[in-house]
PDB file of N, CA and C in Angstrom:
ATOM      1  N   MET A   1       0.818  -1.191   0.000  1.00  0.00           N
ATOM      2  CA  MET A   1       0.000   0.000   0.000  1.00  0.00           C
ATOM      3  C   MET A   1       0.862   1.255   0.000  1.00  0.00           C
ATOM      4  N   ALA A   2       1.921   1.278   0.788  1.00  0.00           N
ATOM      5  CA  ALA A   2       2.787   2.450   0.858  1.00  0.00           C
ATOM      6  C   ALA A   2       3.505   2.679  -0.466  1.00  0.00           C
ATOM      7  N   LYS A   3       3.851   1.580  -1.158  1.00  0.00           N
ATOM      8  CA  LYS A   3       4.526   1.726  -2.444  1.00  0.00           C
ATOM      9  C   LYS A   3       3.605   2.366  -3.468  1.00  0.00           C
ATOM     10  N   LYS A   4       2.333   2.023  -3.412  1.00  0.00           N
ATOM     11  CA  LYS A   4       1.374   2.597  -4.356  1.00  0.00           C
ATOM     12  C   LYS A   4       1.245   4.102  -4.126  1.00  0.00           C
ATOM     13  N   LYS A   5       1.179   4.506  -2.865  1.00  0.00           N
ATOM     14  CA  LYS A   5       1.092   5.927  -2.548  1.00  0.00           C
ATOM     15  C   LYS A   5       2.352   6.651  -3.001  1.00  0.00           C
ATOM     16  N   THR A   6       3.507   6.023  -2.809  1.00  0.00           N
ATOM     17  CA  THR A   6       4.758   6.622  -3.223  1.00  0.00           C
ATOM     18  C   THR A   6       4.807   6.766  -4.737  1.00  0.00           C
ATOM     19  N   LYS A   7       4.297   5.766  -5.447  1.00  0.00           N
ATOM     20  CA  LYS A   7       4.284   5.842  -6.911  1.00  0.00           C
ATOM     21  C   LYS A   7       3.401   6.982  -7.389  1.00  0.00           C
ATOM     22  N   THR A   8       2.264   7.179  -6.727  1.00  0.00           N
ATOM     23  CA  THR A   8       1.390   8.278  -7.136  1.00  0.00           C
ATOM     24  C   THR A   8       2.039   9.621  -6.825  1.00  0.00           C
ATOM     25  N   LYS A   9       2.777   9.686  -5.717  1.00  0.00           N
ATOM     26  CA  LYS A   9       3.482  10.926  -5.388  1.00  0.00           C
ATOM     27  C   LYS A   9       4.594  11.206  -6.392  1.00  0.00           C
ATOM     28  N   VAL A  10       5.264  10.157  -6.821  1.00  0.00           N
ATOM     29  CA  VAL A  10       6.330  10.331  -7.811  1.00  0.00           C
ATOM     30  C   VAL A  10       5.741  10.796  -9.141  1.00  0.00           C
ATOM     31  N   SER A  11       4.609  10.234  -9.524  1.00  0.00           N
ATOM     32  CA  SER A  11       3.984  10.674 -10.775  1.00  0.00           C
ATOM     33  C   SER A  11       3.478  12.111 -10.649  1.00  0.00           C
ATOM     34  N   GLU A  12       3.006  12.471  -9.481  1.00  0.00           N
ATOM     35  CA  GLU A  12       2.591  13.861  -9.259  1.00  0.00           C
ATOM     36  C   GLU A  12       3.798  14.802  -9.295  1.00  0.00           C
ATOM     37  N   LEU A  13       4.923  14.327  -8.766  1.00  0.00           N
ATOM     38  CA  LEU A  13       6.156  15.108  -8.805  1.00  0.00           C
ATOM     39  C   LEU A  13       6.603  15.346 -10.242  1.00  0.00           C
ATOM     40  N   GLU A  14       6.522  14.320 -11.068  1.00  0.00           N
ATOM     41  CA  GLU A  14       6.874  14.465 -12.482  1.00  0.00           C
ATOM     42  C   GLU A  14       5.968  15.484 -13.166  1.00  0.00           C
ATOM     43  N   LYS A  15       4.680  15.445 -12.829  1.00  0.00           N
ATOM     44  CA  LYS A  15       3.730  16.397 -13.407  1.00  0.00           C
ATOM     45  C   LYS A  15       4.066  17.829 -12.980  1.00  0.00           C
ATOM     46  N   LEU A  16       4.393  18.011 -11.702  1.00  0.00           N
ATOM     47  CA  LEU A  16       4.737  19.343 -11.213  1.00  0.00           C
ATOM     48  C   LEU A  16       6.016  19.863 -11.855  1.00  0.00           C
ATOM     49  N   ASN A  17       6.988  18.971 -12.057  1.00  0.00           N
ATOM     50  CA  ASN A  17       8.221  19.387 -12.727  1.00  0.00           C
ATOM     51  C   ASN A  17       7.942  19.824 -14.159  1.00  0.00           C
ATOM     52  N   GLN A  18       7.053  19.125 -14.835  1.00  0.00           N
ATOM     53  CA  GLN A  18       6.685  19.500 -16.204  1.00  0.00           C
ATOM     54  C   GLN A  18       5.934  20.832 -16.202  1.00  0.00           C
ATOM     55  N   ASP A  19       5.061  21.017 -15.226  1.00  0.00           N
ATOM     56  CA  ASP A  19       4.335  22.287 -15.104  1.00  0.00           C
ATOM     57  C   ASP A  19       5.305  23.447 -14.871  1.00  0.00           C
ATOM     58  N   LEU A  20       6.307  23.214 -14.021  1.00  0.00           N
ATOM     59  CA  LEU A  20       7.306  24.246 -13.749  1.00  0.00           C
ATOM     60  C   LEU A  20       8.076  24.601 -15.009  1.00  0.00           C
ATOM     61  N   LEU A  21       8.430  23.606 -15.781  1.00  0.00           N
ATOM     62  CA  LEU A  21       9.130  23.861 -17.037  1.00  0.00           C
ATOM     63  C   LEU A  21       8.265  24.700 -17.974  1.00  0.00           C
ATOM     64  N   ASP A  22       6.995  24.345 -18.089  1.00  0.00           N
ATOM     65  CA  ASP A  22       6.077  25.101 -18.939  1.00  0.00           C
ATOM     66  C   ASP A  22       5.948  26.550 -18.463  1.00  0.00           C
ATOM     67  N   LEU A  23       5.832  26.725 -17.146  1.00  0.00           N
ATOM     68  CA  LEU A  23       5.718  28.078 -16.603  1.00  0.00           C
ATOM     69  C   LEU A  23       6.976  28.899 -16.884  1.00  0.00           C
ATOM     70  N   ARG A  24       8.130  28.273 -16.737  1.00  0.00           N
ATOM     71  CA  ARG A  24       9.385  28.995 -17.002  1.00  0.00           C
ATOM     72  C   ARG A  24       9.502  29.387 -18.471  1.00  0.00           C
ATOM     73  N   LEU A  25       9.081  28.496 -19.353  1.00  0.00           N
ATOM     74  CA  LEU A  25       9.129  28.820 -20.778  1.00  0.00           C
ATOM     75  C   LEU A  25       8.173  29.961 -21.116  1.00  0.00           C
ATOM     76  N   LYS A  26       6.973  29.915 -20.536  1.00  0.00           N
ATOM     77  CA  LYS A  26       6.020  30.999 -20.765  1.00  0.00           C
ATOM     78  C   LYS A  26       6.540  32.316 -20.206  1.00  0.00           C
ATOM     79  N   HIS A  27       7.188  32.254 -19.048  1.00  0.00           N
ATOM     80  CA  HIS A  27       7.735  33.461 -18.435  1.00  0.00           C
ATOM     81  C   HIS A  27       8.858  34.047 -19.294  1.00  0.00           C
ATOM     82  N   ALA A  28       9.669  33.183 -19.850  1.00  0.00           N
ATOM     83  CA  ALA A  28      10.775  33.640 -20.693  1.00  0.00           C
ATOM     84  C   ALA A  28      10.271  34.293 -21.978  1.00  0.00           C
ATOM     85  N   SER A  29       9.132  33.831 -22.465  1.00  0.00           N
ATOM     86  CA  SER A  29       8.586  34.396 -23.697  1.00  0.00           C
ATOM     87  C   SER A  29       7.592  35.526 -23.413  1.00  0.00           C
ATOM     88  N   MET A  30       7.549  35.968 -22.162  1.00  0.00           N
ATOM     89  CA  MET A  30       6.676  37.072 -21.730  1.00  0.00           C
ATOM     90  C   MET A  30       5.189  36.759 -21.912  1.00  0.00           C
ATOM     91  N   ALA A  31       4.805  35.500 -21.888  1.00  0.00           N
ATOM     92  CA  ALA A  31       3.418  35.114 -22.049  1.00  0.00           C
ATOM     93  C   ALA A  31       2.742  34.778 -20.720  1.00  0.00           C
ATOM     94  N   LEU A  32       3.510  34.773 -19.645  1.00  0.00           N
ATOM     95  CA  LEU A  32       2.970  34.398 -18.346  1.00  0.00           C
ATOM     96  C   LEU A  32       2.543  35.644 -17.579  1.00  0.00           C
ATOM     97  N   LYS A  33       1.253  35.731 -17.289  1.00  0.00           N
ATOM     98  CA  LYS A  33       0.718  36.880 -16.551  1.00  0.00           C
ATOM     99  C   LYS A  33       0.806  36.656 -15.039  1.00  0.00           C
ATOM    100  N   GLU A  34       0.634  35.406 -14.612  1.00  0.00           N
ATOM    101  CA  GLU A  34       0.608  35.079 -13.185  1.00  0.00           C
ATOM    102  C   GLU A  34       1.951  34.486 -12.765  1.00  0.00           C
ATOM    103  N   THR A  35       2.942  35.354 -12.594  1.00  0.00           N
ATOM    104  CA  THR A  35       4.293  34.883 -12.299  1.00  0.00           C
ATOM    105  C   THR A  35       4.407  34.227 -10.928  1.00  0.00           C
ATOM    106  N   HIS A  36       3.457  34.478 -10.040  1.00  0.00           N
ATOM    107  CA  HIS A  36       3.496  33.868  -8.715  1.00  0.00           C
ATOM    108  C   HIS A  36       3.334  32.350  -8.784  1.00  0.00           C
ATOM    109  N   LYS A  37       2.804  31.855  -9.879  1.00  0.00           N
ATOM    110  CA  LYS A  37       2.609  30.416 -10.018  1.00  0.00           C
ATOM    111  C   LYS A  37       3.938  29.664 -10.075  1.00  0.00           C
ATOM    112  N   ILE A  38       4.994  30.329 -10.526  1.00  0.00           N
ATOM    113  CA  ILE A  38       6.314  29.689 -10.558  1.00  0.00           C
ATOM    114  C   ILE A  38       6.757  29.356  -9.135  1.00  0.00           C
ATOM    115  N   SER A  39       6.704  30.334  -8.249  1.00  0.00           N
ATOM    116  CA  SER A  39       7.138  30.086  -6.870  1.00  0.00           C
ATOM    117  C   SER A  39       6.204  29.110  -6.155  1.00  0.00           C
ATOM    118  N   GLU A  40       4.911  29.170  -6.436  1.00  0.00           N
ATOM    119  CA  GLU A  40       3.975  28.216  -5.834  1.00  0.00           C
ATOM    120  C   GLU A  40       4.286  26.794  -6.264  1.00  0.00           C
ATOM    121  N   THR A  41       4.589  26.619  -7.542  1.00  0.00           N
ATOM    122  CA  THR A  41       4.899  25.289  -8.058  1.00  0.00           C
ATOM    123  C   THR A  41       6.193  24.763  -7.453  1.00  0.00           C
ATOM    124  N   LYS A  42       7.196  25.635  -7.317  1.00  0.00           N
ATOM    125  CA  LYS A  42       8.461  25.221  -6.709  1.00  0.00           C
ATOM    126  C   LYS A  42       8.247  24.784  -5.256  1.00  0.00           C
ATOM    127  N   LYS A  43       7.390  25.492  -4.551  1.00  0.00           N
ATOM    128  CA  LYS A  43       7.105  25.127  -3.159  1.00  0.00           C
ATOM    129  C   LYS A  43       6.333  23.817  -3.083  1.00  0.00           C
ATOM    130  N   ASP A  44       5.411  23.608  -4.024  1.00  0.00           N
ATOM    131  CA  ASP A  44       4.675  22.341  -4.063  1.00  0.00           C
ATOM    132  C   ASP A  44       5.624  21.170  -4.315  1.00  0.00           C
ATOM    133  N   ILE A  45       6.595  21.376  -5.199  1.00  0.00           N
ATOM    134  CA  ILE A  45       7.588  20.340  -5.484  1.00  0.00           C
ATOM    135  C   ILE A  45       8.388  20.029  -4.220  1.00  0.00           C
ATOM    136  N   ALA A  46       8.811  21.065  -3.510  1.00  0.00           N
ATOM    137  CA  ALA A  46       9.594  20.871  -2.285  1.00  0.00           C
ATOM    138  C   ALA A  46       8.784  20.120  -1.234  1.00  0.00           C
ATOM    139  N   ARG A  47       7.507  20.473  -1.096  1.00  0.00           N
ATOM    140  CA  ARG A  47       6.650  19.778  -0.124  1.00  0.00           C
ATOM    141  C   ARG A  47       6.506  18.299  -0.469  1.00  0.00           C
ATOM    142  N   LEU A  48       6.309  18.032  -1.734  1.00  0.00           N
ATOM    143  CA  LEU A  48       6.124  16.649  -2.170  1.00  0.00           C
ATOM    144  C   LEU A  48       7.410  15.842  -1.995  1.00  0.00           C
ATOM    145  N   LYS A  49       8.550  16.436  -2.321  1.00  0.00           N
ATOM    146  CA  LYS A  49       9.826  15.744  -2.129  1.00  0.00           C
ATOM    147  C   LYS A  49      10.052  15.437  -0.649  1.00  0.00           C
ATOM    148  N   THR A  50       9.667  16.362   0.221  1.00  0.00           N
ATOM    149  CA  THR A  50       9.812  16.144   1.657  1.00  0.00           C
ATOM    150  C   THR A  50       8.969  14.962   2.106  1.00  0.00           C
ATOM    151  N   LYS A  51       7.719  14.904   1.631  1.00  0.00           N
ATOM    152  CA  LYS A  51       6.853  13.787   1.999  1.00  0.00           C
ATOM    153  C   LYS A  51       7.419  12.463   1.513  1.00  0.00           C
ATOM    154  N   ILE A  52       7.943  12.443   0.290  1.00  0.00           N
ATOM    155  CA  ILE A  52       8.520  11.213  -0.253  1.00  0.00           C
ATOM    156  C   ILE A  52       9.728  10.792   0.560  1.00  0.00           C
ATOM    157  N   ASN A  53      10.593  11.742   0.891  1.00  0.00           N
ATOM    158  CA  ASN A  53      11.790  11.412   1.661  1.00  0.00           C
ATOM    159  C   ASN A  53      11.444  10.942   3.078  1.00  0.00           C
ATOM    160  N   MET A  54      10.412  11.508   3.665  1.00  0.00           N
ATOM    161  CA  MET A  54       9.998  11.063   4.993  1.00  0.00           C
ATOM    162  C   MET A  54       9.489   9.638   4.953  1.00  0.00           C
ATOM    163  N   LYS A  55       8.760   9.279   3.902  1.00  0.00           N
ATOM    164  CA  LYS A  55       8.276   7.902   3.731  1.00  0.00           C
ATOM    165  C   LYS A  55       9.443   6.933   3.583  1.00  0.00           C
ATOM    166  N   VAL A  56      10.444   7.319   2.801  1.00  0.00           N
ATOM    167  CA  VAL A  56      11.602   6.455   2.571  1.00  0.00           C
ATOM    168  C   VAL A  56      12.359   6.240   3.873  1.00  0.00           C
ATOM    169  N   GLU A  57      12.561   7.308   4.631  1.00  0.00           N
ATOM    170  CA  GLU A  57      13.277   7.195   5.897  1.00  0.00           C
ATOM    171  C   GLU A  57      12.490   6.359   6.914  1.00  0.00           C
ATOM    172  N   ALA A  58      11.171   6.463   6.895  1.00  0.00           N
ATOM    173  CA  ALA A  58      10.346   5.706   7.813  1.00  0.00           C
ATOM    174  C   ALA A  58      10.384   4.209   7.510  1.00  0.00           C
ATOM    175  N   ASN A  59      10.554   3.873   6.222  1.00  0.00           N
ATOM    176  CA  ASN A  59      10.594   2.469   5.827  1.00  0.00           C
ATOM    177  C   ASN A  59      11.942   1.821   6.087  1.00  0.00           C
ATOM    178  N   ASP A  60      12.972   2.618   6.280  1.00  0.00           N
ATOM    179  CA  ASP A  60      14.316   2.059   6.522  1.00  0.00           C
ATOM    180  C   ASP A  60      14.511   1.594   7.924  1.00  0.00           C
TER     181      ASP A  60
END
């Protein structure tokens, strides 16, 4: 069960990384109006990585 949750978190992490890349590209081309979304996405990535690392440490 824990592995399944970790897999979903990893897939969500991949999605957030792709979203961050898209936001950065839009920002570079001056097409991004809501620049705060970049920092929000980075914080979401950090939160998710923390949760994943806590799960890994708990299983060891």
